[in-house]
């Protein structure tokens, strides 16, 4: 996957587990930090720039709608795994590592505010 130009910051794209081929598209998923679940709705984009724009607009929408501490807001994130929602249901280790990483990212987001 090519690393596109993102002006303000670097973005992290979570890869599928080892042995699973990454998709050419970038997918925006949302992790419910409070309940520790992955939400069903997601969008796919042809390039990193559009996916990042959507991720940021979703985050802005979530900040307005949810009344919680920043570390408990839903967390939109990028992945190159087209089957992430099914994979986290069947691969416990992949789900555990991804949840750990996303929960850590949510905590660091709270420290920035």
PDB file of N, CA and C in Angstrom:
ATOM      1  N   UNK A   1       0.849  -1.164   0.000  1.00  0.00           N
ATOM      2  CA  UNK A   1       0.000   0.000   0.000  1.00  0.00           C
ATOM      3  C   UNK A   1       0.893   1.224   0.000  1.00  0.00           C
ATOM      4  N   UNK A   2       0.591   2.187  -0.827  1.00  0.00           N
ATOM      5  CA  UNK A   2       1.416   3.388  -0.897  1.00  0.00           C
ATOM      6  C   UNK A   2       1.110   4.307   0.266  1.00  0.00           C
ATOM      7  N   UNK A   3       2.130   4.992   0.698  1.00  0.00           N
ATOM      8  CA  UNK A   3       1.950   5.962   1.775  1.00  0.00           C
ATOM      9  C   UNK A   3       1.634   7.305   1.143  1.00  0.00           C
ATOM     10  N   UNK A   4       0.388   7.721   1.209  1.00  0.00           N
ATOM     11  CA  UNK A   4      -0.035   8.977   0.611  1.00  0.00           C
ATOM     12  C   UNK A   4       0.392  10.158   1.456  1.00  0.00           C
ATOM     13  N   UNK A   5       0.247  11.346   0.903  1.00  0.00           N
ATOM     14  CA  UNK A   5       0.611  12.557   1.624  1.00  0.00           C
ATOM     15  C   UNK A   5      -0.522  12.964   2.554  1.00  0.00           C
ATOM     16  N   UNK A   6      -0.210  13.060   3.802  1.00  0.00           N
ATOM     17  CA  UNK A   6      -1.138  13.562   4.804  1.00  0.00           C
ATOM     18  C   UNK A   6      -0.426  14.722   5.477  1.00  0.00           C
ATOM     19  N   UNK A   7      -0.998  15.880   5.413  1.00  0.00           N
ATOM     20  CA  UNK A   7      -0.290  17.062   5.872  1.00  0.00           C
ATOM     21  C   UNK A   7      -0.097  17.137   7.377  1.00  0.00           C
ATOM     22  N   UNK A   8      -1.144  17.154   8.131  1.00  0.00           N
ATOM     23  CA  UNK A   8      -1.054  17.499   9.542  1.00  0.00           C
ATOM     24  C   UNK A   8      -0.396  16.429  10.404  1.00  0.00           C
ATOM     25  N   UNK A   9      -0.565  15.190  10.046  1.00  0.00           N
ATOM     26  CA  UNK A   9      -0.058  14.143  10.931  1.00  0.00           C
ATOM     27  C   UNK A   9       0.114  12.835  10.177  1.00  0.00           C
ATOM     28  N   UNK A  10       0.820  11.948  10.792  1.00  0.00           N
ATOM     29  CA  UNK A  10       0.902  10.580  10.260  1.00  0.00           C
ATOM     30  C   UNK A  10      -0.333   9.827  10.723  1.00  0.00           C
ATOM     31  N   UNK A  11      -0.712   8.864   9.953  1.00  0.00           N
ATOM     32  CA  UNK A  11      -1.845   8.033  10.341  1.00  0.00           C
ATOM     33  C   UNK A  11      -1.390   6.594  10.433  1.00  0.00           C
ATOM     34  N   UNK A  12      -2.043   5.846  11.275  1.00  0.00           N
ATOM     35  CA  UNK A  12      -1.726   4.431  11.441  1.00  0.00           C
ATOM     36  C   UNK A  12      -2.798   3.615  10.734  1.00  0.00           C
ATOM     37  N   UNK A  13      -2.350   2.678   9.928  1.00  0.00           N
ATOM     38  CA  UNK A  13      -3.254   1.760   9.252  1.00  0.00           C
ATOM     39  C   UNK A  13      -2.980   0.379   9.833  1.00  0.00           C
ATOM     40  N   UNK A  14      -3.967  -0.170  10.515  1.00  0.00           N
ATOM     41  CA  UNK A  14      -3.813  -1.483  11.127  1.00  0.00           C
ATOM     42  C   UNK A  14      -3.879  -2.561  10.053  1.00  0.00           C
ATOM     43  N   UNK A  15      -2.920  -3.460  10.089  1.00  0.00           N
ATOM     44  CA  UNK A  15      -2.820  -4.533   9.096  1.00  0.00           C
ATOM     45  C   UNK A  15      -3.581  -5.774   9.573  1.00  0.00           C
ATOM     46  N   UNK A  16      -3.966  -6.637   8.648  1.00  0.00           N
ATOM     47  CA  UNK A  16      -4.565  -7.906   9.051  1.00  0.00           C
ATOM     48  C   UNK A  16      -3.501  -8.787   9.713  1.00  0.00           C
ATOM     49  N   UNK A  17      -3.906  -9.879  10.339  1.00  0.00           N
ATOM     50  CA  UNK A  17      -2.923 -10.748  10.993  1.00  0.00           C
ATOM     51  C   UNK A  17      -1.944 -11.350   9.987  1.00  0.00           C
ATOM     52  N   UNK A  18      -0.840 -11.831  10.489  1.00  0.00           N
ATOM     53  CA  UNK A  18       0.182 -12.452   9.643  1.00  0.00           C
ATOM     54  C   UNK A  18      -0.441 -13.572   8.814  1.00  0.00           C
ATOM     55  N   UNK A  19      -0.045 -13.632   7.556  1.00  0.00           N
ATOM     56  CA  UNK A  19      -0.541 -14.669   6.670  1.00  0.00           C
ATOM     57  C   UNK A  19      -1.805 -14.298   5.914  1.00  0.00           C
ATOM     58  N   UNK A  20      -2.396 -13.152   6.244  1.00  0.00           N
ATOM     59  CA  UNK A  20      -3.608 -12.692   5.564  1.00  0.00           C
ATOM     60  C   UNK A  20      -3.227 -11.519   4.681  1.00  0.00           C
ATOM     61  N   UNK A  21      -3.624 -11.581   3.426  1.00  0.00           N
ATOM     62  CA  UNK A  21      -3.264 -10.540   2.475  1.00  0.00           C
ATOM     63  C   UNK A  21      -4.021  -9.251   2.764  1.00  0.00           C
ATOM     64  N   UNK A  22      -3.291  -8.140   2.805  1.00  0.00           N
ATOM     65  CA  UNK A  22      -3.899  -6.824   2.993  1.00  0.00           C
ATOM     66  C   UNK A  22      -4.638  -6.418   1.727  1.00  0.00           C
ATOM     67  N   UNK A  23      -5.655  -5.637   1.895  1.00  0.00           N
ATOM     68  CA  UNK A  23      -6.467  -5.148   0.782  1.00  0.00           C
ATOM     69  C   UNK A  23      -5.810  -3.916   0.168  1.00  0.00           C
ATOM     70  N   UNK A  24      -6.134  -3.613  -1.077  1.00  0.00           N
ATOM     71  CA  UNK A  24      -5.611  -2.401  -1.713  1.00  0.00           C
ATOM     72  C   UNK A  24      -6.399  -1.174  -1.274  1.00  0.00           C
ATOM     73  N   UNK A  25      -7.584  -1.376  -0.730  1.00  0.00           N
ATOM     74  CA  UNK A  25      -8.378  -0.272  -0.223  1.00  0.00           C
ATOM     75  C   UNK A  25      -8.066  -0.039   1.255  1.00  0.00           C
ATOM     76  N   UNK A  26      -8.433   1.150   1.722  1.00  0.00           N
ATOM     77  CA  UNK A  26      -8.287   1.484   3.140  1.00  0.00           C
ATOM     78  C   UNK A  26      -9.697   1.527   3.724  1.00  0.00           C
ATOM     79  N   UNK A  27      -9.891   0.837   4.819  1.00  0.00           N
ATOM     80  CA  UNK A  27     -11.203   0.722   5.443  1.00  0.00           C
ATOM     81  C   UNK A  27     -11.224   1.521   6.739  1.00  0.00           C
ATOM     82  N   UNK A  28     -12.337   2.226   6.974  1.00  0.00           N
ATOM     83  CA  UNK A  28     -12.510   2.972   8.218  1.00  0.00           C
ATOM     84  C   UNK A  28     -13.524   2.204   9.058  1.00  0.00           C
ATOM     85  N   UNK A  29     -13.059   1.693  10.184  1.00  0.00           N
ATOM     86  CA  UNK A  29     -13.903   0.984  11.132  1.00  0.00           C
ATOM     87  C   UNK A  29     -14.017   1.841  12.387  1.00  0.00           C
ATOM     88  N   UNK A  30     -14.963   1.509  13.262  1.00  0.00           N
ATOM     89  CA  UNK A  30     -15.104   2.232  14.520  1.00  0.00           C
ATOM     90  C   UNK A  30     -15.083   1.240  15.668  1.00  0.00           C
ATOM     91  N   UNK A  31     -14.254   1.563  16.664  1.00  0.00           N
ATOM     92  CA  UNK A  31     -14.137   0.741  17.869  1.00  0.00           C
ATOM     93  C   UNK A  31     -14.851   1.456  19.005  1.00  0.00           C
ATOM     94  N   UNK A  32     -15.811   0.794  19.636  1.00  0.00           N
ATOM     95  CA  UNK A  32     -16.518   1.325  20.803  1.00  0.00           C
ATOM     96  C   UNK A  32     -15.633   1.040  22.016  1.00  0.00           C
ATOM     97  N   UNK A  33     -14.903   2.059  22.450  1.00  0.00           N
ATOM     98  CA  UNK A  33     -13.933   1.892  23.528  1.00  0.00           C
ATOM     99  C   UNK A  33     -14.631   1.526  24.834  1.00  0.00           C
ATOM    100  N   UNK A  34     -15.767   2.150  25.117  1.00  0.00           N
ATOM    101  CA  UNK A  34     -16.476   1.924  26.373  1.00  0.00           C
ATOM    102  C   UNK A  34     -16.908   0.467  26.524  1.00  0.00           C
ATOM    103  N   UNK A  35     -17.470  -0.112  25.456  1.00  0.00           N
ATOM    104  CA  UNK A  35     -17.948  -1.496  25.504  1.00  0.00           C
ATOM    105  C   UNK A  35     -16.927  -2.505  24.982  1.00  0.00           C
ATOM    106  N   UNK A  36     -15.828  -2.031  24.401  1.00  0.00           N
ATOM    107  CA  UNK A  36     -14.802  -2.929  23.874  1.00  0.00           C
ATOM    108  C   UNK A  36     -15.268  -3.733  22.671  1.00  0.00           C
ATOM    109  N   UNK A  37     -16.089  -3.118  21.809  1.00  0.00           N
ATOM    110  CA  UNK A  37     -16.648  -3.816  20.658  1.00  0.00           C
ATOM    111  C   UNK A  37     -16.356  -3.055  19.371  1.00  0.00           C
ATOM    112  N   UNK A  38     -16.377  -3.780  18.274  1.00  0.00           N
ATOM    113  CA  UNK A  38     -16.230  -3.183  16.961  1.00  0.00           C
ATOM    114  C   UNK A  38     -17.623  -2.970  16.390  1.00  0.00           C
ATOM    115  N   UNK A  39     -17.911  -1.748  15.945  1.00  0.00           N
ATOM    116  CA  UNK A  39     -19.231  -1.441  15.406  1.00  0.00           C
ATOM    117  C   UNK A  39     -19.337  -1.972  13.982  1.00  0.00           C
ATOM    118  N   UNK A  40     -20.525  -2.370  13.590  1.00  0.00           N
ATOM    119  CA  UNK A  40     -20.739  -3.036  12.305  1.00  0.00           C
ATOM    120  C   UNK A  40     -20.519  -2.145  11.089  1.00  0.00           C
ATOM    121  N   UNK A  41     -20.882  -0.888  11.178  1.00  0.00           N
ATOM    122  CA  UNK A  41     -20.771  -0.002  10.003  1.00  0.00           C
ATOM    123  C   UNK A  41     -19.308   0.340   9.721  1.00  0.00           C
ATOM    124  N   UNK A  42     -18.951   0.320   8.454  1.00  0.00           N
ATOM    125  CA  UNK A  42     -17.622   0.768   8.050  1.00  0.00           C
ATOM    126  C   UNK A  42     -17.669   1.224   6.597  1.00  0.00           C
ATOM    127  N   UNK A  43     -16.661   1.986   6.198  1.00  0.00           N
ATOM    128  CA  UNK A  43     -16.575   2.488   4.825  1.00  0.00           C
ATOM    129  C   UNK A  43     -15.214   2.135   4.256  1.00  0.00           C
ATOM    130  N   UNK A  44     -15.179   1.964   2.946  1.00  0.00           N
ATOM    131  CA  UNK A  44     -13.933   1.648   2.248  1.00  0.00           C
ATOM    132  C   UNK A  44     -13.604   2.766   1.276  1.00  0.00           C
ATOM    133  N   UNK A  45     -12.304   3.029   1.124  1.00  0.00           N
ATOM    134  CA  UNK A  45     -11.838   4.091   0.246  1.00  0.00           C
ATOM    135  C   UNK A  45     -10.676   3.596  -0.600  1.00  0.00           C
ATOM    136  N   UNK A  46     -10.537   4.196  -1.774  1.00  0.00           N
ATOM    137  CA  UNK A  46      -9.487   3.818  -2.709  1.00  0.00           C
ATOM    138  C   UNK A  46      -8.110   4.305  -2.278  1.00  0.00           C
ATOM    139  N   UNK A  47      -8.067   5.395  -1.494  1.00  0.00           N
ATOM    140  CA  UNK A  47      -6.754   5.923  -1.108  1.00  0.00           C
ATOM    141  C   UNK A  47      -6.745   6.384   0.339  1.00  0.00           C
ATOM    142  N   UNK A  48      -5.552   6.542   0.851  1.00  0.00           N
ATOM    143  CA  UNK A  48      -5.337   6.892   2.248  1.00  0.00           C
ATOM    144  C   UNK A  48      -5.863   8.284   2.581  1.00  0.00           C
ATOM    145  N   UNK A  49      -5.731   9.220   1.650  1.00  0.00           N
ATOM    146  CA  UNK A  49      -6.169  10.587   1.914  1.00  0.00           C
ATOM    147  C   UNK A  49      -7.673  10.655   2.178  1.00  0.00           C
ATOM    148  N   UNK A  50      -8.463  10.004   1.330  1.00  0.00           N
ATOM    149  CA  UNK A  50      -9.925  10.021   1.512  1.00  0.00           C
ATOM    150  C   UNK A  50     -10.326   9.279   2.785  1.00  0.00           C
ATOM    151  N   UNK A  51      -9.657   8.190   3.072  1.00  0.00           N
ATOM    152  CA  UNK A  51      -9.964   7.440   4.293  1.00  0.00           C
ATOM    153  C   UNK A  51      -9.659   8.286   5.521  1.00  0.00           C
ATOM    154  N   UNK A  52      -8.549   8.996   5.492  1.00  0.00           N
ATOM    155  CA  UNK A  52      -8.170   9.848   6.620  1.00  0.00           C
ATOM    156  C   UNK A  52      -9.155  11.001   6.787  1.00  0.00           C
ATOM    157  N   UNK A  53      -9.595  11.584   5.684  1.00  0.00           N
ATOM    158  CA  UNK A  53     -10.596  12.652   5.762  1.00  0.00           C
ATOM    159  C   UNK A  53     -11.876  12.134   6.414  1.00  0.00           C
ATOM    160  N   UNK A  54     -12.310  10.954   5.997  1.00  0.00           N
ATOM    161  CA  UNK A  54     -13.531  10.378   6.570  1.00  0.00           C
ATOM    162  C   UNK A  54     -13.319  10.052   8.054  1.00  0.00           C
ATOM    163  N   UNK A  55     -12.173   9.498   8.387  1.00  0.00           N
ATOM    164  CA  UNK A  55     -11.872   9.175   9.783  1.00  0.00           C
ATOM    165  C   UNK A  55     -11.961  10.433  10.643  1.00  0.00           C
ATOM    166  N   UNK A  56     -11.370  11.518  10.183  1.00  0.00           N
ATOM    167  CA  UNK A  56     -11.376  12.765  10.952  1.00  0.00           C
ATOM    168  C   UNK A  56     -12.774  13.369  11.052  1.00  0.00           C
ATOM    169  N   UNK A  57     -13.558  13.304   9.987  1.00  0.00           N
ATOM    170  CA  UNK A  57     -14.925  13.847  10.057  1.00  0.00           C
ATOM    171  C   UNK A  57     -15.789  13.000  10.986  1.00  0.00           C
ATOM    172  N   UNK A  58     -15.590  11.682  10.980  1.00  0.00           N
ATOM    173  CA  UNK A  58     -16.313  10.814  11.914  1.00  0.00           C
ATOM    174  C   UNK A  58     -15.930  11.132  13.349  1.00  0.00           C
ATOM    175  N   UNK A  59     -14.648  11.360  13.582  1.00  0.00           N
ATOM    176  CA  UNK A  59     -14.196  11.689  14.935  1.00  0.00           C
ATOM    177  C   UNK A  59     -14.818  12.999  15.399  1.00  0.00           C
ATOM    178  N   UNK A  60     -14.877  13.988  14.531  1.00  0.00           N
ATOM    179  CA  UNK A  60     -15.493  15.274  14.886  1.00  0.00           C
ATOM    180  C   UNK A  60     -16.975  15.084  15.206  1.00  0.00           C
ATOM    181  N   UNK A  61     -17.669  14.282  14.407  1.00  0.00           N
ATOM    182  CA  UNK A  61     -19.090  14.004  14.649  1.00  0.00           C
ATOM    183  C   UNK A  61     -19.288  13.301  15.988  1.00  0.00           C
ATOM    184  N   UNK A  62     -18.435  12.354  16.277  1.00  0.00           N
ATOM    185  CA  UNK A  62     -18.525  11.598  17.528  1.00  0.00           C
ATOM    186  C   UNK A  62     -18.293  12.507  18.726  1.00  0.00           C
ATOM    187  N   UNK A  63     -17.325  13.403  18.633  1.00  0.00           N
ATOM    188  CA  UNK A  63     -17.056  14.329  19.737  1.00  0.00           C
ATOM    189  C   UNK A  63     -18.279  15.166  20.067  1.00  0.00           C
ATOM    190  N   UNK A  64     -19.032  15.553  19.045  1.00  0.00           N
ATOM    191  CA  UNK A  64     -20.215  16.379  19.262  1.00  0.00           C
ATOM    192  C   UNK A  64     -21.355  15.540  19.849  1.00  0.00           C
ATOM    193  N   UNK A  65     -21.516  14.317  19.387  1.00  0.00           N
ATOM    194  CA  UNK A  65     -22.658  13.491  19.780  1.00  0.00           C
ATOM    195  C   UNK A  65     -22.495  12.786  21.117  1.00  0.00           C
ATOM    196  N   UNK A  66     -21.297  12.345  21.442  1.00  0.00           N
ATOM    197  CA  UNK A  66     -21.125  11.528  22.640  1.00  0.00           C
ATOM    198  C   UNK A  66     -20.725  12.389  23.833  1.00  0.00           C
ATOM    199  N   UNK A  67     -21.291  12.075  24.951  1.00  0.00           N
ATOM    200  CA  UNK A  67     -20.948  12.778  26.179  1.00  0.00           C
ATOM    201  C   UNK A  67     -20.149  11.817  27.054  1.00  0.00           C
ATOM    202  N   UNK A  68     -18.840  11.888  26.918  1.00  0.00           N
ATOM    203  CA  UNK A  68     -17.957  10.988  27.664  1.00  0.00           C
ATOM    204  C   UNK A  68     -16.593  11.634  27.772  1.00  0.00           C
ATOM    205  N   UNK A  69     -15.759  11.038  28.596  1.00  0.00           N
ATOM    206  CA  UNK A  69     -14.366  11.457  28.648  1.00  0.00           C
ATOM    207  C   UNK A  69     -13.739  11.101  27.302  1.00  0.00           C
ATOM    208  N   UNK A  70     -12.786  11.896  26.822  1.00  0.00           N
ATOM    209  CA  UNK A  70     -12.183  11.609  25.510  1.00  0.00           C
ATOM    210  C   UNK A  70     -11.678  10.177  25.350  1.00  0.00           C
ATOM    211  N   UNK A  71     -11.195   9.572  26.423  1.00  0.00           N
ATOM    212  CA  UNK A  71     -10.684   8.206  26.272  1.00  0.00           C
ATOM    213  C   UNK A  71     -11.796   7.174  26.093  1.00  0.00           C
ATOM    214  N   UNK A  72     -13.055   7.572  26.284  1.00  0.00           N
ATOM    215  CA  UNK A  72     -14.178   6.643  26.120  1.00  0.00           C
ATOM    216  C   UNK A  72     -14.985   6.900  24.854  1.00  0.00           C
ATOM    217  N   UNK A  73     -14.638   7.930  24.075  1.00  0.00           N
ATOM    218  CA  UNK A  73     -15.309   8.167  22.800  1.00  0.00           C
ATOM    219  C   UNK A  73     -15.069   6.982  21.863  1.00  0.00           C
ATOM    220  N   UNK A  74     -16.041   6.722  20.987  1.00  0.00           N
ATOM    221  CA  UNK A  74     -15.809   5.740  19.925  1.00  0.00           C
ATOM    222  C   UNK A  74     -14.599   6.187  19.115  1.00  0.00           C
ATOM    223  N   UNK A  75     -13.838   5.233  18.628  1.00  0.00           N
ATOM    224  CA  UNK A  75     -12.580   5.529  17.952  1.00  0.00           C
ATOM    225  C   UNK A  75     -12.606   5.030  16.512  1.00  0.00           C
ATOM    226  N   UNK A  76     -12.769   5.921  15.535  1.00  0.00           N
ATOM    227  CA  UNK A  76     -12.620   5.496  14.142  1.00  0.00           C
ATOM    228  C   UNK A  76     -11.146   5.189  13.875  1.00  0.00           C
ATOM    229  N   UNK A  77     -10.875   4.102  13.160  1.00  0.00           N
ATOM    230  CA  UNK A  77      -9.487   3.747  12.859  1.00  0.00           C
ATOM    231  C   UNK A  77      -9.407   3.170  11.461  1.00  0.00           C
ATOM    232  N   UNK A  78      -8.200   3.171  10.909  1.00  0.00           N
ATOM    233  CA  UNK A  78      -7.964   2.705   9.545  1.00  0.00           C
ATOM    234  C   UNK A  78      -7.378   1.299   9.561  1.00  0.00           C
ATOM    235  N   UNK A  79      -7.781   0.495   8.598  1.00  0.00           N
ATOM    236  CA  UNK A  79      -7.259  -0.863   8.481  1.00  0.00           C
ATOM    237  C   UNK A  79      -7.189  -1.255   7.012  1.00  0.00           C
ATOM    238  N   UNK A  80      -6.258  -2.119   6.706  1.00  0.00           N
ATOM    239  CA  UNK A  80      -6.182  -2.682   5.353  1.00  0.00           C
ATOM    240  C   UNK A  80      -6.800  -4.078   5.321  1.00  0.00           C
ATOM    241  N   UNK A  81      -7.519  -4.440   6.369  1.00  0.00           N
ATOM    242  CA  UNK A  81      -8.172  -5.746   6.467  1.00  0.00           C
ATOM    243  C   UNK A  81      -9.633  -5.613   6.039  1.00  0.00           C
ATOM    244  N   UNK A  82      -9.994  -6.131   4.863  1.00  0.00           N
ATOM    245  CA  UNK A  82     -11.368  -5.992   4.389  1.00  0.00           C
ATOM    246  C   UNK A  82     -12.375  -6.824   5.177  1.00  0.00           C
ATOM    247  N   UNK A  83     -11.911  -7.816   5.918  1.00  0.00           N
ATOM    248  CA  UNK A  83     -12.796  -8.726   6.640  1.00  0.00           C
ATOM    249  C   UNK A  83     -12.587  -8.610   8.154  1.00  0.00           C
ATOM    250  N   UNK A  84     -12.203  -7.448   8.626  1.00  0.00           N
ATOM    251  CA  UNK A  84     -11.873  -7.260  10.038  1.00  0.00           C
ATOM    252  C   UNK A  84     -13.037  -7.628  10.953  1.00  0.00           C
ATOM    253  N   UNK A  85     -14.240  -7.213  10.625  1.00  0.00           N
ATOM    254  CA  UNK A  85     -15.380  -7.465  11.509  1.00  0.00           C
ATOM    255  C   UNK A  85     -15.630  -8.954  11.717  1.00  0.00           C
ATOM    256  N   UNK A  86     -15.467  -9.753  10.688  1.00  0.00           N
ATOM    257  CA  UNK A  86     -15.625 -11.210  10.840  1.00  0.00           C
ATOM    258  C   UNK A  86     -14.403 -11.827  11.507  1.00  0.00           C
ATOM    259  N   UNK A  87     -13.223 -11.307  11.182  1.00  0.00           N
ATOM    260  CA  UNK A  87     -11.987 -11.863  11.712  1.00  0.00           C
ATOM    261  C   UNK A  87     -11.883 -11.699  13.236  1.00  0.00           C
ATOM    262  N   UNK A  88     -12.341 -10.549  13.771  1.00  0.00           N
ATOM    263  CA  UNK A  88     -12.255 -10.361  15.225  1.00  0.00           C
ATOM    264  C   UNK A  88     -13.212 -11.292  15.965  1.00  0.00           C
ATOM    265  N   UNK A  89     -14.224 -11.789  15.259  1.00  0.00           N
ATOM    266  CA  UNK A  89     -15.150 -12.748  15.872  1.00  0.00           C
ATOM    267  C   UNK A  89     -14.568 -14.158  15.904  1.00  0.00           C
ATOM    268  N   UNK A  90     -13.678 -14.475  14.943  1.00  0.00           N
ATOM    269  CA  UNK A  90     -13.171 -15.844  14.837  1.00  0.00           C
ATOM    270  C   UNK A  90     -11.719 -16.000  15.288  1.00  0.00           C
ATOM    271  N   UNK A  91     -10.967 -14.925  15.331  1.00  0.00           N
ATOM    272  CA  UNK A  91      -9.551 -14.983  15.714  1.00  0.00           C
ATOM    273  C   UNK A  91      -9.356 -14.218  17.012  1.00  0.00           C
ATOM    274  N   UNK A  92      -9.407 -14.930  18.126  1.00  0.00           N
ATOM    275  CA  UNK A  92      -9.357 -14.305  19.448  1.00  0.00           C
ATOM    276  C   UNK A  92      -8.055 -13.543  19.688  1.00  0.00           C
ATOM    277  N   UNK A  93      -6.943 -14.065  19.232  1.00  0.00           N
ATOM    278  CA  UNK A  93      -5.652 -13.398  19.438  1.00  0.00           C
ATOM    279  C   UNK A  93      -5.583 -12.082  18.658  1.00  0.00           C
ATOM    280  N   UNK A  94      -6.029 -12.099  17.429  1.00  0.00           N
ATOM    281  CA  UNK A  94      -6.061 -10.883  16.608  1.00  0.00           C
ATOM    282  C   UNK A  94      -6.959  -9.830  17.269  1.00  0.00           C
ATOM    283  N   UNK A  95      -8.136 -10.255  17.733  1.00  0.00           N
ATOM    284  CA  UNK A  95      -9.063  -9.336  18.398  1.00  0.00           C
ATOM    285  C   UNK A  95      -8.437  -8.772  19.671  1.00  0.00           C
ATOM    286  N   UNK A  96      -7.763  -9.605  20.441  1.00  0.00           N
ATOM    287  CA  UNK A  96      -7.149  -9.155  21.693  1.00  0.00           C
ATOM    288  C   UNK A  96      -6.081  -8.101  21.443  1.00  0.00           C
ATOM    289  N   UNK A  97      -5.196  -8.353  20.496  1.00  0.00           N
ATOM    290  CA  UNK A  97      -4.112  -7.414  20.184  1.00  0.00           C
ATOM    291  C   UNK A  97      -4.676  -6.109  19.632  1.00  0.00           C
ATOM    292  N   UNK A  98      -5.653  -6.203  18.749  1.00  0.00           N
ATOM    293  CA  UNK A  98      -6.249  -5.004  18.160  1.00  0.00           C
ATOM    294  C   UNK A  98      -6.967  -4.176  19.232  1.00  0.00           C
ATOM    295  N   UNK A  99      -7.726  -4.825  20.100  1.00  0.00           N
ATOM    296  CA  UNK A  99      -8.409  -4.108  21.186  1.00  0.00           C
ATOM    297  C   UNK A  99      -7.403  -3.445  22.121  1.00  0.00           C
ATOM    298  N   UNK A 100      -6.326  -4.144  22.428  1.00  0.00           N
ATOM    299  CA  UNK A 100      -5.293  -3.574  23.296  1.00  0.00           C
ATOM    300  C   UNK A 100      -4.694  -2.316  22.664  1.00  0.00           C
ATOM    301  N   UNK A 101      -4.346  -2.407  21.386  1.00  0.00           N
ATOM    302  CA  UNK A 101      -3.751  -1.267  20.691  1.00  0.00           C
ATOM    303  C   UNK A 101      -4.722  -0.092  20.595  1.00  0.00           C
ATOM    304  N   UNK A 102      -5.976  -0.370  20.277  1.00  0.00           N
ATOM    305  CA  UNK A 102      -6.965   0.696  20.137  1.00  0.00           C
ATOM    306  C   UNK A 102      -7.311   1.330  21.482  1.00  0.00           C
ATOM    307  N   UNK A 103      -7.372   0.540  22.532  1.00  0.00           N
ATOM    308  CA  UNK A 103      -7.632   1.082  23.870  1.00  0.00           C
ATOM    309  C   UNK A 103      -6.474   1.975  24.305  1.00  0.00           C
ATOM    310  N   UNK A 104      -5.258   1.563  23.999  1.00  0.00           N
ATOM    311  CA  UNK A 104      -4.081   2.375  24.301  1.00  0.00           C
ATOM    312  C   UNK A 104      -4.119   3.683  23.522  1.00  0.00           C
ATOM    313  N   UNK A 105      -4.520   3.617  22.260  1.00  0.00           N
ATOM    314  CA  UNK A 105      -4.631   4.824  21.430  1.00  0.00           C
ATOM    315  C   UNK A 105      -5.686   5.778  22.009  1.00  0.00           C
ATOM    316  N   UNK A 106      -6.792   5.226  22.508  1.00  0.00           N
ATOM    317  CA  UNK A 106      -7.844   6.056  23.106  1.00  0.00           C
ATOM    318  C   UNK A 106      -7.335   6.734  24.380  1.00  0.00           C
ATOM    319  N   UNK A 107      -6.567   6.005  25.181  1.00  0.00           N
ATOM    320  CA  UNK A 107      -6.006   6.610  26.399  1.00  0.00           C
ATOM    321  C   UNK A 107      -5.053   7.741  26.072  1.00  0.00           C
ATOM    322  N   UNK A 108      -4.226   7.563  25.048  1.00  0.00           N
ATOM    323  CA  UNK A 108      -3.277   8.608  24.672  1.00  0.00           C
ATOM    324  C   UNK A 108      -4.018   9.814  24.112  1.00  0.00           C
ATOM    325  N   UNK A 109      -5.150   9.592  23.478  1.00  0.00           N
ATOM    326  CA  UNK A 109      -5.974  10.699  22.972  1.00  0.00           C
ATOM    327  C   UNK A 109      -6.474  11.541  24.143  1.00  0.00           C
ATOM    328  N   UNK A 110      -6.816  10.907  25.246  1.00  0.00           N
ATOM    329  CA  UNK A 110      -7.289  11.640  26.430  1.00  0.00           C
ATOM    330  C   UNK A 110      -6.169  12.508  27.006  1.00  0.00           C
ATOM    331  N   UNK A 111      -4.958  12.014  26.992  1.00  0.00           N
ATOM    332  CA  UNK A 111      -3.826  12.786  27.540  1.00  0.00           C
ATOM    333  C   UNK A 111      -3.533  14.026  26.709  1.00  0.00           C
ATOM    334  N   UNK A 112      -3.886  13.997  25.430  1.00  0.00           N
ATOM    335  CA  UNK A 112      -3.631  15.144  24.551  1.00  0.00           C
ATOM    336  C   UNK A 112      -4.606  16.270  24.804  1.00  0.00           C
ATOM    337  N   UNK A 113      -5.775  15.962  25.387  1.00  0.00           N
ATOM    338  CA  UNK A 113      -6.798  17.009  25.615  1.00  0.00           C
ATOM    339  C   UNK A 113      -6.566  17.738  26.898  1.00  0.00           C
TER     340      UNK A 113
END
